C-alpha cells in the first residue's frame, strides 16, 4: 500500500471508531430509558392491581 494513502486509512479508521462509540452510547441511553419506562409501567400496574383488589374486597 502506498504511504500516501495512510492518511485516508487513518481517517476511515477514526471515523469507524467514532461511529461505533456513538452507537454504543445511543444504545446504552435507549436501554436506560426503556428500563425506566418498564419500572414506571410496573408501578402503574401494581397501583391498578391494588386499587382493583381493594375495591372488590
N, C-alpha and C. Protein backbone atom coordinates (compact mmCIF):
# COMPACT_ATOMS: atom_id res chain seq x y z
N UNK A 1 0.85 -1.17 0.00
CA UNK A 1 0.00 0.00 0.00
C UNK A 1 0.90 1.23 0.00
N UNK A 2 0.64 2.14 -0.91
CA UNK A 2 1.46 3.36 -0.94
C UNK A 2 1.27 4.19 0.32
N UNK A 3 2.33 4.80 0.76
CA UNK A 3 2.27 5.55 2.02
C UNK A 3 1.44 6.83 1.90
N UNK A 4 1.17 7.29 0.68
CA UNK A 4 0.34 8.49 0.55
C UNK A 4 -1.13 8.21 0.86
N UNK A 5 -1.51 6.94 0.93
CA UNK A 5 -2.89 6.58 1.27
C UNK A 5 -3.10 6.41 2.78
N UNK A 6 -2.05 6.46 3.56
CA UNK A 6 -2.18 6.25 5.00
C UNK A 6 -3.07 7.28 5.69
N UNK A 7 -3.05 8.56 5.32
CA UNK A 7 -3.99 9.49 5.97
C UNK A 7 -5.45 9.11 5.75
N UNK A 8 -5.77 8.60 4.57
CA UNK A 8 -7.14 8.17 4.30
C UNK A 8 -7.50 6.95 5.15
N UNK A 9 -6.57 6.03 5.26
CA UNK A 9 -6.80 4.85 6.09
C UNK A 9 -7.02 5.26 7.54
N UNK A 10 -6.20 6.17 8.04
CA UNK A 10 -6.36 6.65 9.41
C UNK A 10 -7.70 7.35 9.58
N UNK A 11 -8.11 8.15 8.60
CA UNK A 11 -9.38 8.86 8.69
C UNK A 11 -10.55 7.89 8.75
N UNK A 12 -10.54 6.89 7.89
CA UNK A 12 -11.63 5.90 7.89
C UNK A 12 -11.63 5.11 9.19
N UNK A 13 -10.47 4.75 9.67
CA UNK A 13 -10.34 4.02 10.93
C UNK A 13 -10.90 4.85 12.08
N UNK A 14 -10.55 6.12 12.11
CA UNK A 14 -11.01 7.01 13.18
C UNK A 14 -12.52 7.21 13.12
N UNK A 15 -13.04 7.45 11.93
CA UNK A 15 -14.49 7.65 11.78
C UNK A 15 -15.24 6.40 12.19
N UNK A 16 -14.71 5.24 11.84
CA UNK A 16 -15.36 3.99 12.22
C UNK A 16 -15.45 3.86 13.73
N UNK A 17 -14.38 4.16 14.45
CA UNK A 17 -14.41 4.06 15.91
C UNK A 17 -15.35 5.10 16.52
N UNK A 18 -15.35 6.30 15.97
CA UNK A 18 -16.26 7.34 16.48
C UNK A 18 -17.71 6.90 16.30
N UNK A 19 -18.03 6.37 15.13
CA UNK A 19 -19.40 5.89 14.89
C UNK A 19 -19.74 4.72 15.81
N UNK A 20 -18.80 3.83 16.04
CA UNK A 20 -19.04 2.70 16.93
C UNK A 20 -19.36 3.18 18.34
N UNK A 21 -18.56 4.10 18.87
CA UNK A 21 -18.81 4.59 20.23
C UNK A 21 -20.08 5.43 20.31
N UNK A 22 -20.40 6.15 19.25
CA UNK A 22 -21.67 6.90 19.23
C UNK A 22 -22.84 5.93 19.28
N UNK A 23 -22.75 4.83 18.54
CA UNK A 23 -23.81 3.82 18.55
C UNK A 23 -23.93 3.17 19.93
N UNK A 24 -22.82 2.83 20.54
CA UNK A 24 -22.85 2.24 21.88
C UNK A 24 -23.47 3.21 22.88
N UNK A 25 -23.12 4.48 22.79
CA UNK A 25 -23.70 5.50 23.66
C UNK A 25 -25.21 5.59 23.45
N UNK A 26 -25.64 5.61 22.18
CA UNK A 26 -27.06 5.69 21.86
C UNK A 26 -27.81 4.48 22.42
N UNK A 27 -27.28 3.29 22.22
CA UNK A 27 -27.94 2.08 22.69
C UNK A 27 -28.01 2.05 24.21
N UNK A 28 -26.96 2.47 24.88
CA UNK A 28 -26.99 2.46 26.35
C UNK A 28 -28.00 3.47 26.88
N UNK A 29 -28.10 4.64 26.24
CA UNK A 29 -29.11 5.62 26.65
C UNK A 29 -30.51 5.09 26.42
N UNK A 30 -30.71 4.46 25.28
CA UNK A 30 -32.03 3.90 24.95
C UNK A 30 -32.39 2.80 25.94
N UNK A 31 -31.44 1.95 26.30
CA UNK A 31 -31.69 0.88 27.26
C UNK A 31 -32.07 1.46 28.62
N UNK A 32 -31.37 2.50 29.04
CA UNK A 32 -31.69 3.13 30.32
C UNK A 32 -33.10 3.72 30.30
N UNK A 33 -33.46 4.36 29.19
CA UNK A 33 -34.80 4.92 29.07
C UNK A 33 -35.86 3.83 29.10
N UNK A 34 -35.61 2.73 28.43
CA UNK A 34 -36.57 1.62 28.42
C UNK A 34 -36.69 0.99 29.79
N UNK A 35 -35.58 0.84 30.51
CA UNK A 35 -35.65 0.30 31.87
C UNK A 35 -36.48 1.20 32.77
N UNK A 36 -36.31 2.50 32.63
CA UNK A 36 -37.10 3.45 33.42
C UNK A 36 -38.58 3.34 33.06
N UNK A 37 -38.88 3.20 31.78
CA UNK A 37 -40.27 3.08 31.35
C UNK A 37 -40.89 1.79 31.87
N UNK A 38 -40.14 0.70 31.85
CA UNK A 38 -40.64 -0.57 32.38
C UNK A 38 -40.91 -0.44 33.87
N UNK A 39 -40.01 0.21 34.60
CA UNK A 39 -40.21 0.41 36.03
C UNK A 39 -41.49 1.22 36.29
N UNK A 40 -41.70 2.27 35.51
CA UNK A 40 -42.91 3.08 35.66
C UNK A 40 -44.17 2.29 35.34
N UNK A 41 -44.11 1.48 34.29
CA UNK A 41 -45.27 0.66 33.92
C UNK A 41 -45.58 -0.37 35.00
N UNK A 42 -44.54 -0.98 35.58
CA UNK A 42 -44.77 -1.94 36.65
C UNK A 42 -45.41 -1.27 37.86
N UNK A 43 -44.95 -0.07 38.17
CA UNK A 43 -45.54 0.67 39.29
C UNK A 43 -47.00 1.01 38.99
N UNK A 44 -47.29 1.40 37.77
CA UNK A 44 -48.67 1.71 37.40
C UNK A 44 -49.54 0.47 37.46
N UNK A 45 -49.03 -0.67 36.99
CA UNK A 45 -49.80 -1.92 37.05
C UNK A 45 -50.04 -2.33 38.49
N UNK A 46 -49.05 -2.17 39.35
CA UNK A 46 -49.20 -2.52 40.75
C UNK A 46 -50.26 -1.62 41.40
N UNK A 47 -50.25 -0.35 41.05
CA UNK A 47 -51.23 0.59 41.59
C UNK A 47 -52.63 0.20 41.14
N UNK A 48 -52.79 -0.16 39.88
CA UNK A 48 -54.10 -0.57 39.37
C UNK A 48 -54.54 -1.86 40.05
N UNK A 49 -53.62 -2.80 40.23
CA UNK A 49 -53.94 -4.06 40.92
C UNK A 49 -54.41 -3.80 42.35
N UNK A 50 -53.70 -2.95 43.05
CA UNK A 50 -54.07 -2.65 44.44
C UNK A 50 -55.42 -1.95 44.50
N UNK A 51 -55.68 -1.04 43.57
CA UNK A 51 -56.96 -0.34 43.55
C UNK A 51 -58.11 -1.29 43.25
N UNK A 52 -57.91 -2.21 42.31
CA UNK A 52 -58.99 -3.13 41.96
C UNK A 52 -59.22 -4.16 43.06
N UNK A 53 -58.18 -4.60 43.74
CA UNK A 53 -58.37 -5.59 44.80
C UNK A 53 -58.97 -4.95 46.04
N UNK A 54 -58.67 -3.70 46.32
CA UNK A 54 -59.24 -3.05 47.50
C UNK A 54 -60.69 -2.67 47.26
N UNK A 55 -61.08 -2.39 46.04
CA UNK A 55 -62.47 -2.01 45.77
C UNK A 55 -63.37 -3.23 45.65
N UNK A 56 -62.83 -4.39 45.31
CA UNK A 56 -63.65 -5.60 45.18
C UNK A 56 -63.69 -6.40 46.46
N UNK A 57 -62.87 -6.05 47.44
CA UNK A 57 -62.77 -6.84 48.66
C UNK A 57 -63.60 -6.29 49.70
